[in-house]
Amino acid sequence: GSTWGLLVEKSATNYATNNSDLSSWSASGGATTVSATADPAGGTSTILVNDTTTVTSSYRTLAGLSGVPTGKRCLSYWRRIDSPAPTTSSYLDASPFGVTLQSSAAIDAAYTRQDGIGNNATTSGYFVARPRAVTVTDTGATAYYGAQLEAGSYPTSVILTSAGSVARAADVLRSEEHTAEL
């Protein structure tokens, strides 16, 4: 037989706005192109950021994040290194909130979820999606999906956002005594 699982999550708010549309994030440095590509959930909400220049520090920035609670914050996202692979690594940087995620430089066949914890008093700041290292003059492409910044010590499932932060209510599990069998 197969094993079944049940995920019951607390309420959560994703403060990373426009996490399914990195084309709305500001381009900085050299030219970066973005294009929609298949995401881990079977849709097309993933954005491929491709740095085709050899100028250092080409990236996409989401500025103006605000209202983020102080204390522990969790940053998470799904990523896939695409071709051309960077010679070093790719990043999702939320350093004003105390956390930066770095991935390997190898091309991935599938998406990998990364998460990390930060802890500081900053309540506003930015995200930077960088498909390759800051100091290296190479090219690179990384597909980003579901960037999420939320209060707490662990990530919850993806909350897609547009122009503002999005809150998800807590899951509620109810069972009648005669239907408690799963």
N, C-alpha and C. Protein backbone atom coordinates (compact mmCIF):
# COMPACT_ATOMS: atom_id res chain seq x y z
N GLY A 1 0.80 -1.17 0.00
CA GLY A 1 0.00 0.00 0.00
C GLY A 1 0.85 1.25 0.00
N SER A 2 0.20 2.35 -0.18
CA SER A 2 0.88 3.64 -0.17
C SER A 2 0.66 4.33 1.17
N THR A 3 1.57 5.23 1.49
CA THR A 3 1.50 6.00 2.72
C THR A 3 0.88 7.35 2.42
N TRP A 4 -0.04 7.78 3.26
CA TRP A 4 -0.69 9.07 3.11
C TRP A 4 -0.17 10.02 4.16
N GLY A 5 -0.09 11.28 3.83
CA GLY A 5 0.34 12.30 4.78
C GLY A 5 -0.67 13.42 4.83
N LEU A 6 -0.62 14.18 5.89
CA LEU A 6 -1.52 15.30 6.06
C LEU A 6 -0.72 16.48 6.56
N LEU A 7 -0.81 17.60 5.86
CA LEU A 7 -0.11 18.82 6.24
C LEU A 7 -1.13 19.78 6.82
N VAL A 8 -0.94 20.14 8.08
CA VAL A 8 -1.80 21.13 8.73
C VAL A 8 -0.88 22.28 9.14
N GLU A 9 -1.14 23.46 8.60
CA GLU A 9 -0.24 24.60 8.81
C GLU A 9 -0.88 25.70 9.63
N LYS A 10 -0.02 26.45 10.32
CA LYS A 10 -0.44 27.65 11.05
C LYS A 10 -0.77 28.74 10.05
N SER A 11 -1.39 29.81 10.53
CA SER A 11 -1.60 30.96 9.65
C SER A 11 -0.24 31.58 9.34
N ALA A 12 -0.13 32.18 8.19
CA ALA A 12 1.15 32.77 7.78
C ALA A 12 0.88 33.92 6.82
N THR A 13 1.81 34.87 6.79
CA THR A 13 1.75 35.99 5.85
C THR A 13 3.05 36.02 5.08
N ASN A 14 2.95 36.10 3.76
CA ASN A 14 4.12 36.24 2.90
C ASN A 14 4.30 37.72 2.59
N TYR A 15 5.43 38.28 3.05
CA TYR A 15 5.72 39.70 2.84
C TYR A 15 6.46 39.97 1.53
N ALA A 16 6.82 38.94 0.80
CA ALA A 16 7.51 39.10 -0.49
C ALA A 16 6.46 39.33 -1.57
N THR A 17 6.28 40.56 -1.95
CA THR A 17 5.28 40.89 -2.96
C THR A 17 5.78 40.51 -4.36
N ASN A 18 4.85 40.28 -5.25
CA ASN A 18 5.16 39.93 -6.65
C ASN A 18 6.10 38.75 -6.75
N ASN A 19 5.91 37.74 -5.91
CA ASN A 19 6.83 36.60 -5.94
C ASN A 19 6.59 35.68 -7.12
N SER A 20 5.53 35.88 -7.87
CA SER A 20 5.32 35.07 -9.06
C SER A 20 5.50 35.88 -10.33
N ASP A 21 6.09 37.08 -10.21
CA ASP A 21 6.32 37.93 -11.38
C ASP A 21 7.60 38.74 -11.20
N LEU A 22 8.75 38.09 -11.36
CA LEU A 22 10.01 38.80 -11.20
C LEU A 22 10.25 39.81 -12.31
N SER A 23 9.43 39.80 -13.37
CA SER A 23 9.58 40.82 -14.40
C SER A 23 9.21 42.19 -13.84
N SER A 24 8.43 42.23 -12.75
CA SER A 24 8.09 43.50 -12.12
C SER A 24 9.17 43.96 -11.14
N TRP A 25 10.15 43.11 -10.85
CA TRP A 25 11.28 43.50 -10.00
C TRP A 25 12.24 44.33 -10.85
N SER A 26 12.88 45.32 -10.29
CA SER A 26 13.76 46.22 -11.04
C SER A 26 15.03 45.52 -11.49
N ALA A 27 15.43 45.77 -12.73
CA ALA A 27 16.70 45.24 -13.25
C ALA A 27 17.82 46.18 -12.86
N SER A 28 18.94 45.62 -12.43
CA SER A 28 20.10 46.42 -12.05
C SER A 28 21.35 45.82 -12.66
N GLY A 29 22.37 46.66 -12.85
CA GLY A 29 23.61 46.18 -13.45
C GLY A 29 23.43 45.97 -14.93
N GLY A 30 23.96 44.89 -15.44
CA GLY A 30 23.83 44.55 -16.85
C GLY A 30 22.44 44.04 -17.17
N ALA A 31 22.22 43.63 -18.40
CA ALA A 31 20.91 43.17 -18.83
C ALA A 31 20.57 41.81 -18.22
N THR A 32 19.39 41.73 -17.63
CA THR A 32 18.86 40.44 -17.21
C THR A 32 17.53 40.28 -17.91
N THR A 33 17.27 39.12 -18.44
CA THR A 33 15.98 38.86 -19.07
C THR A 33 15.20 37.92 -18.17
N VAL A 34 13.88 38.04 -18.21
CA VAL A 34 13.02 37.15 -17.43
C VAL A 34 12.01 36.53 -18.37
N SER A 35 11.65 35.30 -18.10
CA SER A 35 10.63 34.63 -18.89
C SER A 35 9.93 33.60 -18.01
N ALA A 36 8.63 33.42 -18.26
CA ALA A 36 7.86 32.43 -17.51
C ALA A 36 8.27 31.04 -17.95
N THR A 37 8.33 30.13 -16.98
CA THR A 37 8.67 28.75 -17.27
C THR A 37 7.92 27.85 -16.30
N ALA A 38 7.88 26.56 -16.55
CA ALA A 38 7.12 25.63 -15.73
C ALA A 38 7.57 25.68 -14.28
N ASP A 39 6.60 25.70 -13.35
CA ASP A 39 6.92 25.75 -11.93
C ASP A 39 6.73 24.38 -11.28
N PRO A 40 7.16 24.21 -10.03
CA PRO A 40 7.05 22.91 -9.36
C PRO A 40 5.61 22.45 -9.15
N ALA A 41 4.65 23.39 -9.18
CA ALA A 41 3.25 23.03 -8.96
C ALA A 41 2.51 22.72 -10.26
N GLY A 42 3.22 22.77 -11.40
CA GLY A 42 2.61 22.44 -12.68
C GLY A 42 2.07 23.63 -13.45
N GLY A 43 2.23 24.84 -12.92
CA GLY A 43 1.80 26.05 -13.62
C GLY A 43 2.96 26.72 -14.33
N THR A 44 2.85 28.01 -14.54
CA THR A 44 3.93 28.77 -15.19
C THR A 44 4.27 30.02 -14.39
N SER A 45 4.28 29.89 -13.06
CA SER A 45 4.58 31.04 -12.21
C SER A 45 6.06 31.20 -11.91
N THR A 46 6.88 30.31 -12.42
CA THR A 46 8.32 30.44 -12.22
C THR A 46 8.88 31.47 -13.16
N ILE A 47 9.81 32.26 -12.67
CA ILE A 47 10.45 33.25 -13.51
C ILE A 47 11.92 32.87 -13.67
N LEU A 48 12.37 32.74 -14.89
CA LEU A 48 13.76 32.45 -15.20
C LEU A 48 14.50 33.77 -15.36
N VAL A 49 15.48 34.02 -14.48
CA VAL A 49 16.30 35.23 -14.58
C VAL A 49 17.60 34.82 -15.25
N ASN A 50 17.85 35.37 -16.41
CA ASN A 50 19.01 34.99 -17.20
C ASN A 50 19.92 36.21 -17.37
N ASP A 51 21.10 36.12 -16.80
CA ASP A 51 22.10 37.19 -16.92
C ASP A 51 23.01 36.81 -18.07
N THR A 52 22.84 37.49 -19.20
CA THR A 52 23.59 37.15 -20.41
C THR A 52 24.80 38.05 -20.61
N THR A 53 25.06 38.92 -19.66
CA THR A 53 26.21 39.82 -19.78
C THR A 53 27.37 39.28 -18.96
N THR A 54 28.49 39.87 -19.09
CA THR A 54 29.61 39.53 -18.22
C THR A 54 29.94 40.70 -17.30
N VAL A 55 28.95 41.56 -17.11
CA VAL A 55 29.09 42.69 -16.19
C VAL A 55 28.85 42.17 -14.78
N THR A 56 29.67 42.58 -13.83
CA THR A 56 29.42 42.14 -12.46
C THR A 56 28.14 42.75 -11.92
N SER A 57 27.49 42.02 -11.04
CA SER A 57 26.33 42.53 -10.32
C SER A 57 25.12 42.80 -11.19
N SER A 58 24.69 41.87 -12.01
CA SER A 58 23.44 41.98 -12.74
C SER A 58 22.40 41.17 -11.98
N TYR A 59 21.25 41.79 -11.68
CA TYR A 59 20.28 41.11 -10.83
C TYR A 59 18.92 41.79 -10.92
N ARG A 60 17.94 41.22 -10.24
CA ARG A 60 16.59 41.77 -10.12
C ARG A 60 16.35 42.10 -8.66
N THR A 61 15.78 43.28 -8.40
CA THR A 61 15.53 43.72 -7.03
C THR A 61 14.05 43.99 -6.80
N LEU A 62 13.55 43.52 -5.68
CA LEU A 62 12.22 43.87 -5.21
C LEU A 62 12.41 44.77 -4.00
N ALA A 63 12.19 46.05 -4.19
CA ALA A 63 12.38 47.02 -3.11
C ALA A 63 11.04 47.36 -2.47
N GLY A 64 11.13 48.01 -1.35
CA GLY A 64 9.92 48.52 -0.72
C GLY A 64 9.16 47.54 0.13
N LEU A 65 9.78 46.43 0.53
CA LEU A 65 9.09 45.52 1.45
C LEU A 65 8.95 46.22 2.79
N SER A 66 7.78 46.17 3.39
CA SER A 66 7.58 46.84 4.67
C SER A 66 6.57 46.09 5.51
N GLY A 67 6.52 46.45 6.78
CA GLY A 67 5.56 45.82 7.69
C GLY A 67 5.96 44.45 8.15
N VAL A 68 7.21 44.06 7.91
CA VAL A 68 7.67 42.72 8.30
C VAL A 68 7.90 42.71 9.81
N PRO A 69 7.31 41.76 10.54
CA PRO A 69 7.49 41.73 11.99
C PRO A 69 8.96 41.54 12.37
N THR A 70 9.36 42.11 13.50
CA THR A 70 10.73 41.93 13.98
C THR A 70 10.88 40.53 14.57
N GLY A 71 12.10 40.15 14.82
CA GLY A 71 12.37 38.82 15.38
C GLY A 71 12.74 37.83 14.30
N LYS A 72 12.47 36.56 14.56
CA LYS A 72 12.83 35.52 13.60
C LYS A 72 11.96 35.60 12.37
N ARG A 73 12.63 35.50 11.21
CA ARG A 73 11.96 35.48 9.92
C ARG A 73 12.53 34.33 9.11
N CYS A 74 11.69 33.72 8.33
CA CYS A 74 12.13 32.62 7.47
C CYS A 74 12.02 33.06 6.02
N LEU A 75 13.10 32.87 5.28
CA LEU A 75 13.14 33.12 3.84
C LEU A 75 13.17 31.76 3.14
N SER A 76 12.31 31.58 2.16
CA SER A 76 12.32 30.32 1.42
C SER A 76 11.95 30.57 -0.04
N TYR A 77 12.35 29.67 -0.87
CA TYR A 77 11.98 29.72 -2.29
C TYR A 77 12.36 28.40 -2.95
N TRP A 78 11.83 28.17 -4.12
CA TRP A 78 12.20 27.04 -4.97
C TRP A 78 13.10 27.59 -6.06
N ARG A 79 14.15 26.86 -6.41
CA ARG A 79 15.05 27.32 -7.46
C ARG A 79 15.55 26.15 -8.29
N ARG A 80 15.86 26.48 -9.53
CA ARG A 80 16.47 25.52 -10.45
C ARG A 80 17.53 26.27 -11.24
N ILE A 81 18.77 25.81 -11.18
CA ILE A 81 19.84 26.42 -11.96
C ILE A 81 19.66 25.93 -13.39
N ASP A 82 19.65 26.85 -14.31
CA ASP A 82 19.38 26.54 -15.71
C ASP A 82 20.66 26.76 -16.52
N SER A 83 20.56 26.63 -17.81
CA SER A 83 21.70 26.84 -18.69
C SER A 83 21.63 28.26 -19.24
N PRO A 84 22.71 29.02 -19.20
CA PRO A 84 24.05 28.62 -18.78
C PRO A 84 24.18 28.64 -17.26
N ALA A 85 24.82 27.62 -16.73
CA ALA A 85 25.03 27.57 -15.28
C ALA A 85 26.10 28.57 -14.88
N PRO A 86 25.91 29.25 -13.75
CA PRO A 86 26.97 30.15 -13.28
C PRO A 86 28.19 29.35 -12.86
N THR A 87 29.36 29.95 -12.91
CA THR A 87 30.56 29.22 -12.48
C THR A 87 30.68 29.15 -10.98
N THR A 88 29.94 29.98 -10.25
CA THR A 88 30.02 29.96 -8.80
C THR A 88 28.69 29.52 -8.19
N SER A 89 27.76 30.41 -8.00
CA SER A 89 26.48 30.06 -7.37
C SER A 89 25.46 31.15 -7.65
N SER A 90 24.20 30.88 -7.32
CA SER A 90 23.15 31.90 -7.43
C SER A 90 22.64 32.21 -6.03
N TYR A 91 21.91 33.33 -5.90
CA TYR A 91 21.49 33.80 -4.59
C TYR A 91 20.05 34.30 -4.59
N LEU A 92 19.42 34.22 -3.45
CA LEU A 92 18.25 35.02 -3.13
C LEU A 92 18.64 35.73 -1.85
N ASP A 93 18.78 37.03 -1.94
CA ASP A 93 19.34 37.84 -0.85
C ASP A 93 18.26 38.69 -0.20
N ALA A 94 18.07 38.50 1.08
CA ALA A 94 17.20 39.36 1.88
C ALA A 94 17.99 39.81 3.10
N SER A 95 19.23 40.23 2.86
CA SER A 95 20.14 40.56 3.96
C SER A 95 19.62 41.64 4.91
N PRO A 96 18.79 42.60 4.47
CA PRO A 96 18.26 43.54 5.47
C PRO A 96 17.46 42.82 6.57
N PHE A 97 16.92 41.66 6.25
CA PHE A 97 16.15 40.88 7.21
C PHE A 97 16.99 39.80 7.89
N GLY A 98 18.28 39.78 7.60
CA GLY A 98 19.19 38.87 8.28
C GLY A 98 19.38 37.51 7.63
N VAL A 99 19.01 37.34 6.36
CA VAL A 99 19.16 36.02 5.74
C VAL A 99 19.44 36.14 4.24
N THR A 100 20.38 35.34 3.76
CA THR A 100 20.71 35.22 2.35
C THR A 100 20.83 33.74 2.02
N LEU A 101 20.24 33.30 0.93
CA LEU A 101 20.32 31.89 0.52
C LEU A 101 21.20 31.80 -0.71
N GLN A 102 22.14 30.87 -0.68
CA GLN A 102 23.07 30.66 -1.78
C GLN A 102 22.92 29.22 -2.26
N SER A 103 22.92 29.03 -3.56
CA SER A 103 22.79 27.68 -4.12
C SER A 103 24.06 27.31 -4.87
N SER A 104 24.13 26.05 -5.21
CA SER A 104 25.29 25.55 -5.96
C SER A 104 25.27 26.08 -7.38
N ALA A 105 26.33 25.80 -8.12
CA ALA A 105 26.43 26.27 -9.50
C ALA A 105 26.05 25.20 -10.51
N ALA A 106 25.75 24.00 -10.05
CA ALA A 106 25.44 22.91 -10.98
C ALA A 106 24.03 23.05 -11.54
N ILE A 107 23.85 22.68 -12.81
CA ILE A 107 22.53 22.70 -13.41
C ILE A 107 21.67 21.65 -12.73
N ASP A 108 20.41 22.03 -12.39
CA ASP A 108 19.48 21.12 -11.72
C ASP A 108 18.47 20.61 -12.71
N ALA A 109 18.15 19.33 -12.62
CA ALA A 109 17.09 18.77 -13.45
C ALA A 109 15.72 19.09 -12.85
N ALA A 110 15.68 19.25 -11.53
CA ALA A 110 14.41 19.50 -10.84
C ALA A 110 14.58 20.69 -9.89
N TYR A 111 13.47 21.18 -9.40
CA TYR A 111 13.50 22.28 -8.44
C TYR A 111 13.95 21.80 -7.07
N THR A 112 14.63 22.67 -6.35
CA THR A 112 15.07 22.41 -4.99
C THR A 112 14.54 23.53 -4.12
N ARG A 113 13.99 23.17 -2.96
CA ARG A 113 13.53 24.21 -2.03
C ARG A 113 14.67 24.56 -1.09
N GLN A 114 14.87 25.85 -0.88
CA GLN A 114 15.87 26.33 0.06
C GLN A 114 15.18 27.22 1.08
N ASP A 115 15.61 27.14 2.33
CA ASP A 115 15.08 28.05 3.33
C ASP A 115 16.16 28.37 4.34
N GLY A 116 16.00 29.48 5.02
CA GLY A 116 16.95 29.92 6.02
C GLY A 116 16.28 30.87 7.00
N ILE A 117 16.87 31.02 8.17
CA ILE A 117 16.30 31.83 9.25
C ILE A 117 17.16 33.07 9.48
N GLY A 118 16.53 34.20 9.65
CA GLY A 118 17.21 35.44 10.02
C GLY A 118 16.56 35.98 11.28
N ASN A 119 17.28 36.83 11.98
CA ASN A 119 16.74 37.37 13.22
C ASN A 119 17.33 38.76 13.45
N ASN A 120 16.56 39.79 13.18
CA ASN A 120 16.98 41.15 13.49
C ASN A 120 15.76 42.06 13.59
N ALA A 121 15.97 43.33 13.86
CA ALA A 121 14.87 44.24 14.12
C ALA A 121 14.40 45.02 12.90
N THR A 122 14.96 44.77 11.72
CA THR A 122 14.58 45.50 10.52
C THR A 122 13.16 45.13 10.11
N THR A 123 12.33 46.13 9.82
CA THR A 123 10.95 45.87 9.39
C THR A 123 10.69 46.23 7.94
N SER A 124 11.70 46.77 7.24
CA SER A 124 11.54 47.09 5.82
C SER A 124 12.86 46.81 5.11
N GLY A 125 12.79 46.58 3.82
CA GLY A 125 14.01 46.28 3.07
C GLY A 125 13.71 45.81 1.67
N TYR A 126 14.51 44.87 1.17
CA TYR A 126 14.42 44.45 -0.22
C TYR A 126 14.83 42.98 -0.36
N PHE A 127 14.55 42.44 -1.53
CA PHE A 127 15.03 41.13 -1.98
C PHE A 127 15.90 41.37 -3.19
N VAL A 128 16.90 40.54 -3.39
CA VAL A 128 17.69 40.57 -4.62
C VAL A 128 17.76 39.14 -5.16
N ALA A 129 17.33 38.94 -6.40
CA ALA A 129 17.46 37.65 -7.09
C ALA A 129 18.66 37.78 -8.01
N ARG A 130 19.73 37.07 -7.67
CA ARG A 130 21.00 37.20 -8.39
C ARG A 130 21.35 35.83 -9.00
N PRO A 131 21.30 35.71 -10.34
CA PRO A 131 21.54 34.41 -10.96
C PRO A 131 22.99 33.94 -10.94
N ARG A 132 23.89 34.79 -10.43
CA ARG A 132 25.30 34.38 -10.33
C ARG A 132 25.97 35.25 -9.26
N ALA A 133 27.20 34.93 -8.93
CA ALA A 133 27.91 35.64 -7.87
C ALA A 133 28.15 37.10 -8.22
N VAL A 134 28.27 37.93 -7.20
CA VAL A 134 28.45 39.37 -7.37
C VAL A 134 29.78 39.71 -8.02
N THR A 135 30.84 39.05 -7.61
CA THR A 135 32.19 39.46 -8.02
C THR A 135 32.73 38.74 -9.24
N VAL A 136 31.97 37.82 -9.77
CA VAL A 136 32.45 37.02 -10.89
C VAL A 136 31.85 37.54 -12.19
N THR A 137 32.66 37.68 -13.21
CA THR A 137 32.16 38.17 -14.50
C THR A 137 31.88 36.99 -15.42
N ASP A 138 30.79 36.31 -15.15
CA ASP A 138 30.35 35.23 -16.02
C ASP A 138 28.87 35.43 -16.32
N THR A 139 28.19 34.45 -16.85
CA THR A 139 26.76 34.51 -17.09
C THR A 139 26.10 33.42 -16.26
N GLY A 140 24.79 33.46 -16.18
CA GLY A 140 24.09 32.43 -15.42
C GLY A 140 22.59 32.61 -15.52
N ALA A 141 21.87 31.52 -15.30
CA ALA A 141 20.41 31.55 -15.33
C ALA A 141 19.88 30.74 -14.16
N THR A 142 18.92 31.31 -13.46
CA THR A 142 18.28 30.62 -12.35
C THR A 142 16.78 30.86 -12.43
N ALA A 143 16.01 29.79 -12.26
CA ALA A 143 14.56 29.89 -12.21
C ALA A 143 14.15 30.02 -10.75
N TYR A 144 13.38 31.06 -10.44
CA TYR A 144 12.92 31.33 -9.07
C TYR A 144 11.41 31.12 -8.99
N TYR A 145 10.95 30.50 -7.92
CA TYR A 145 9.51 30.29 -7.73
C TYR A 145 9.16 30.48 -6.26
N GLY A 146 8.13 31.24 -6.01
CA GLY A 146 7.55 31.32 -4.68
C GLY A 146 8.43 31.90 -3.60
N ALA A 147 9.19 32.96 -3.89
CA ALA A 147 9.99 33.60 -2.85
C ALA A 147 9.08 34.00 -1.71
N GLN A 148 9.48 33.67 -0.50
CA GLN A 148 8.61 33.90 0.64
C GLN A 148 9.40 34.40 1.84
N LEU A 149 8.91 35.45 2.47
CA LEU A 149 9.47 35.97 3.71
C LEU A 149 8.34 36.02 4.70
N GLU A 150 8.46 35.26 5.79
CA GLU A 150 7.40 35.19 6.78
C GLU A 150 7.97 35.16 8.19
N ALA A 151 7.16 35.56 9.14
CA ALA A 151 7.57 35.53 10.54
C ALA A 151 7.66 34.07 11.00
N GLY A 152 8.63 33.79 11.87
CA GLY A 152 8.73 32.45 12.44
C GLY A 152 10.03 31.76 12.13
N SER A 153 10.13 30.53 12.62
CA SER A 153 11.37 29.77 12.53
C SER A 153 11.38 28.70 11.46
N TYR A 154 10.28 28.53 10.74
CA TYR A 154 10.25 27.51 9.70
C TYR A 154 9.32 27.96 8.57
N PRO A 155 9.56 27.46 7.37
CA PRO A 155 8.74 27.87 6.22
C PRO A 155 7.42 27.13 6.18
N THR A 156 6.42 27.78 5.59
CA THR A 156 5.17 27.11 5.29
C THR A 156 5.09 26.90 3.78
N SER A 157 4.02 26.30 3.31
CA SER A 157 3.89 26.07 1.88
C SER A 157 3.74 27.41 1.15
N VAL A 158 3.96 27.38 -0.14
CA VAL A 158 4.03 28.60 -0.95
C VAL A 158 2.73 29.40 -0.88
N ILE A 159 2.89 30.70 -0.66
CA ILE A 159 1.79 31.66 -0.73
C ILE A 159 2.15 32.61 -1.87
N LEU A 160 1.48 32.48 -3.02
CA LEU A 160 1.77 33.36 -4.15
C LEU A 160 1.19 34.74 -3.89
N THR A 161 1.93 35.78 -4.27
CA THR A 161 1.52 37.16 -4.02
C THR A 161 1.57 37.97 -5.31
N SER A 162 0.91 39.12 -5.26
CA SER A 162 1.04 40.09 -6.36
C SER A 162 1.48 41.41 -5.74
N ALA A 163 0.68 42.44 -5.83
CA ALA A 163 1.11 43.78 -5.41
C ALA A 163 1.31 43.95 -3.91
N GLY A 164 0.70 43.12 -3.08
CA GLY A 164 0.84 43.28 -1.63
C GLY A 164 1.12 41.95 -0.95
N SER A 165 1.39 42.03 0.36
CA SER A 165 1.59 40.80 1.12
C SER A 165 0.26 40.04 1.16
N VAL A 166 0.35 38.72 1.35
CA VAL A 166 -0.84 37.88 1.37
C VAL A 166 -0.81 37.01 2.62
N ALA A 167 -1.94 36.99 3.34
CA ALA A 167 -2.07 36.16 4.53
C ALA A 167 -2.90 34.91 4.20
N ARG A 168 -2.53 33.81 4.81
CA ARG A 168 -3.27 32.55 4.66
C ARG A 168 -3.75 32.15 6.05
N ALA A 169 -5.00 31.79 6.16
CA ALA A 169 -5.55 31.36 7.44
C ALA A 169 -4.96 30.00 7.83
N ALA A 170 -4.98 29.73 9.12
CA ALA A 170 -4.51 28.43 9.60
C ALA A 170 -5.42 27.33 9.09
N ASP A 171 -4.83 26.18 8.80
CA ASP A 171 -5.63 25.01 8.44
C ASP A 171 -6.33 24.49 9.69
N VAL A 172 -7.52 23.99 9.51
CA VAL A 172 -8.27 23.44 10.63
C VAL A 172 -8.60 22.00 10.29
N LEU A 173 -8.27 21.10 11.18
CA LEU A 173 -8.56 19.68 11.00
C LEU A 173 -9.66 19.31 11.98
N ARG A 174 -10.77 18.85 11.44
CA ARG A 174 -11.88 18.41 12.28
C ARG A 174 -12.20 16.98 11.91
N SER A 175 -12.63 16.23 12.90
CA SER A 175 -12.98 14.84 12.65
C SER A 175 -14.12 14.45 13.57
N GLU A 176 -15.10 13.82 13.01
CA GLU A 176 -16.16 13.22 13.81
C GLU A 176 -15.66 11.87 14.27
N GLU A 177 -16.09 11.45 15.43
CA GLU A 177 -15.58 10.20 16.00
C GLU A 177 -15.75 9.03 15.04
N HIS A 178 -16.87 8.95 14.34
CA HIS A 178 -17.12 7.82 13.44
C HIS A 178 -16.40 7.95 12.10
N THR A 179 -15.77 9.10 11.82
CA THR A 179 -15.04 9.27 10.56
C THR A 179 -13.55 9.50 10.78
N ALA A 180 -13.05 9.14 11.96
CA ALA A 180 -11.65 9.41 12.29
C ALA A 180 -10.67 8.51 11.57
N GLU A 181 -11.17 7.55 10.84
CA GLU A 181 -10.28 6.64 10.12
C GLU A 181 -9.76 7.33 8.86
N LEU A 182 -8.47 7.30 8.64
CA LEU A 182 -7.91 7.89 7.42
C LEU A 182 -7.45 6.83 6.47
